[in-house]
Amino acid sequence: MAIGFGNQRAVQRYAAFVGAMDMLGEAFRTVDRVIDRVDDSVGEGGYTLPTQDELRALRTTAFDALDALRAKGKKHEADLVSRPWAV
């Protein structure tokens, strides 16, 4: 089955989109390690620092948004690989 240039380009862009989401998921694993190193007892100079629990909640919110984007991308995959993307 021959894929036209427009479709081939859309397939490549969709693959890049999925790859970017995968890389972001990997970055969240790094964020988990950083959050684990946060010391809740340190707070000098009058600054208010987020606690580990607050950081985990923010990470969870961001990861849930990524999952929602991934689900939408999968739901519309056929459309995304069949039409040209606007740049």
C-alpha atoms as a PDB file:
ATOM      1  CA  MET A   1       0.000   0.000   0.000  1.00  0.00           C
ATOM      2  CA  ALA A   2       1.499   3.281  -1.095  1.00  0.00           C
ATOM      3  CA  ILE A   3       1.290   6.199   1.280  1.00  0.00           C
ATOM      4  CA  GLY A   4       1.105   9.604  -0.336  1.00  0.00           C
ATOM      5  CA  PHE A   5       3.611  12.302   0.559  1.00  0.00           C
ATOM      6  CA  GLY A   6       1.027  14.193   2.611  1.00  0.00           C
ATOM      7  CA  ASN A   7       0.031  11.077   4.518  1.00  0.00           C
ATOM      8  CA  GLN A   8       3.642  10.038   4.995  1.00  0.00           C
ATOM      9  CA  ARG A   9       4.419  13.439   6.459  1.00  0.00           C
ATOM     10  CA  ALA A  10       1.369  13.223   8.745  1.00  0.00           C
ATOM     11  CA  VAL A  11       2.491   9.777   9.930  1.00  0.00           C
ATOM     12  CA  GLN A  12       5.952  11.167  10.697  1.00  0.00           C
ATOM     13  CA  ARG A  13       4.499  14.106  12.597  1.00  0.00           C
ATOM     14  CA  TYR A  14       2.186  11.844  14.575  1.00  0.00           C
ATOM     15  CA  ALA A  15       5.173   9.645  15.446  1.00  0.00           C
ATOM     16  CA  ALA A  16       7.081  12.747  16.614  1.00  0.00           C
ATOM     17  CA  PHE A  17       4.045  13.765  18.693  1.00  0.00           C
ATOM     18  CA  VAL A  18       3.886  10.356  20.377  1.00  0.00           C
ATOM     19  CA  GLY A  19       7.658  10.383  20.880  1.00  0.00           C
ATOM     20  CA  ALA A  20       7.492  13.778  22.573  1.00  0.00           C
ATOM     21  CA  MET A  21       4.816  12.498  24.951  1.00  0.00           C
ATOM     22  CA  ASP A  22       7.002   9.464  25.731  1.00  0.00           C
ATOM     23  CA  MET A  23       9.994  11.701  26.470  1.00  0.00           C
ATOM     24  CA  LEU A  24       7.848  13.823  28.753  1.00  0.00           C
ATOM     25  CA  GLY A  25       6.741  10.695  30.597  1.00  0.00           C
ATOM     26  CA  GLU A  26      10.414   9.823  31.131  1.00  0.00           C
ATOM     27  CA  ALA A  27      11.033  13.328  32.468  1.00  0.00           C
ATOM     28  CA  PHE A  28       8.329  12.766  35.080  1.00  0.00           C
ATOM     29  CA  ARG A  29      10.350   9.833  36.421  1.00  0.00           C
ATOM     30  CA  THR A  30      13.265  12.220  36.931  1.00  0.00           C
ATOM     31  CA  VAL A  31      10.941  14.669  38.661  1.00  0.00           C
ATOM     32  CA  ASP A  32       9.982  11.920  41.116  1.00  0.00           C
ATOM     33  CA  ARG A  33      13.631  11.525  42.118  1.00  0.00           C
ATOM     34  CA  VAL A  34      14.000  15.280  42.620  1.00  0.00           C
ATOM     35  CA  ILE A  35      10.830  15.441  44.719  1.00  0.00           C
ATOM     36  CA  ASP A  36      12.167  12.618  46.905  1.00  0.00           C
ATOM     37  CA  ARG A  37      15.240  14.751  47.660  1.00  0.00           C
ATOM     38  CA  VAL A  38      13.208  17.789  48.808  1.00  0.00           C
ATOM     39  CA  ASP A  39      13.658  18.463  52.504  1.00  0.00           C
ATOM     40  CA  ASP A  40      10.425  19.822  53.973  1.00  0.00           C
ATOM     41  CA  SER A  41      12.210  21.113  57.075  1.00  0.00           C
ATOM     42  CA  VAL A  42      14.382  23.641  55.204  1.00  0.00           C
ATOM     43  CA  GLY A  43      12.884  27.065  54.635  1.00  0.00           C
ATOM     44  CA  GLU A  44      15.287  29.961  54.978  1.00  0.00           C
ATOM     45  CA  GLY A  45      15.242  33.582  53.986  1.00  0.00           C
ATOM     46  CA  GLY A  46      11.495  34.094  54.294  1.00  0.00           C
ATOM     47  CA  TYR A  47      10.716  32.056  51.190  1.00  0.00           C
ATOM     48  CA  THR A  48       7.820  29.654  51.137  1.00  0.00           C
ATOM     49  CA  LEU A  49       8.798  26.395  49.496  1.00  0.00           C
ATOM     50  CA  PRO A  50       6.373  23.715  48.361  1.00  0.00           C
ATOM     51  CA  THR A  51       6.370  20.507  50.364  1.00  0.00           C
ATOM     52  CA  GLN A  52       6.916  17.052  48.902  1.00  0.00           C
ATOM     53  CA  ASP A  53       3.168  16.432  49.067  1.00  0.00           C
ATOM     54  CA  GLU A  54       2.405  19.644  47.163  1.00  0.00           C
ATOM     55  CA  LEU A  55       5.024  18.805  44.538  1.00  0.00           C
ATOM     56  CA  ARG A  56       3.631  15.274  44.152  1.00  0.00           C
ATOM     57  CA  ALA A  57       0.124  16.709  43.707  1.00  0.00           C
ATOM     58  CA  LEU A  58       1.392  19.063  40.984  1.00  0.00           C
ATOM     59  CA  ARG A  59       3.245  16.193  39.303  1.00  0.00           C
ATOM     60  CA  THR A  60       0.107  14.043  39.426  1.00  0.00           C
ATOM     61  CA  THR A  61      -1.945  16.834  37.864  1.00  0.00           C
ATOM     62  CA  ALA A  62       0.613  17.262  35.074  1.00  0.00           C
ATOM     63  CA  PHE A  63       0.861  13.504  34.481  1.00  0.00           C
ATOM     64  CA  ASP A  64      -2.945  13.209  34.350  1.00  0.00           C
ATOM     65  CA  ALA A  65      -3.000  15.978  31.730  1.00  0.00           C
ATOM     66  CA  LEU A  66      -0.376  14.075  29.722  1.00  0.00           C
ATOM     67  CA  ASP A  67      -2.466  10.905  29.961  1.00  0.00           C
ATOM     68  CA  ALA A  68      -5.537  12.819  28.761  1.00  0.00           C
ATOM     69  CA  LEU A  69      -3.553  14.200  25.805  1.00  0.00           C
ATOM     70  CA  ARG A  70      -2.246  10.726  25.006  1.00  0.00           C
ATOM     71  CA  ALA A  71      -5.811   9.334  25.083  1.00  0.00           C
ATOM     72  CA  LYS A  72      -7.068  12.099  22.776  1.00  0.00           C
ATOM     73  CA  GLY A  73      -4.170  11.506  20.406  1.00  0.00           C
ATOM     74  CA  LYS A  74      -4.934   7.779  20.306  1.00  0.00           C
ATOM     75  CA  LYS A  75      -8.651   8.443  19.818  1.00  0.00           C
ATOM     76  CA  HIS A  76      -7.955  10.691  16.830  1.00  0.00           C
ATOM     77  CA  GLU A  77      -4.950   8.758  15.500  1.00  0.00           C
ATOM     78  CA  ALA A  78      -6.650   7.758  12.235  1.00  0.00           C
ATOM     79  CA  ASP A  79      -7.561  11.369  11.515  1.00  0.00           C
ATOM     80  CA  LEU A  80      -4.128  12.675  12.515  1.00  0.00           C
ATOM     81  CA  VAL A  81      -2.239  10.330  10.203  1.00  0.00           C
ATOM     82  CA  SER A  82      -4.590  10.850   7.256  1.00  0.00           C
ATOM     83  CA  ARG A  83      -4.625  14.645   7.017  1.00  0.00           C
ATOM     84  CA  PRO A  84      -1.854  17.199   6.656  1.00  0.00           C
ATOM     85  CA  TRP A  85      -0.962  19.134   9.798  1.00  0.00           C
ATOM     86  CA  ALA A  86      -0.989  22.918   9.814  1.00  0.00           C
ATOM     87  CA  VAL A  87       2.374  24.395  10.681  1.00  0.00           C
END
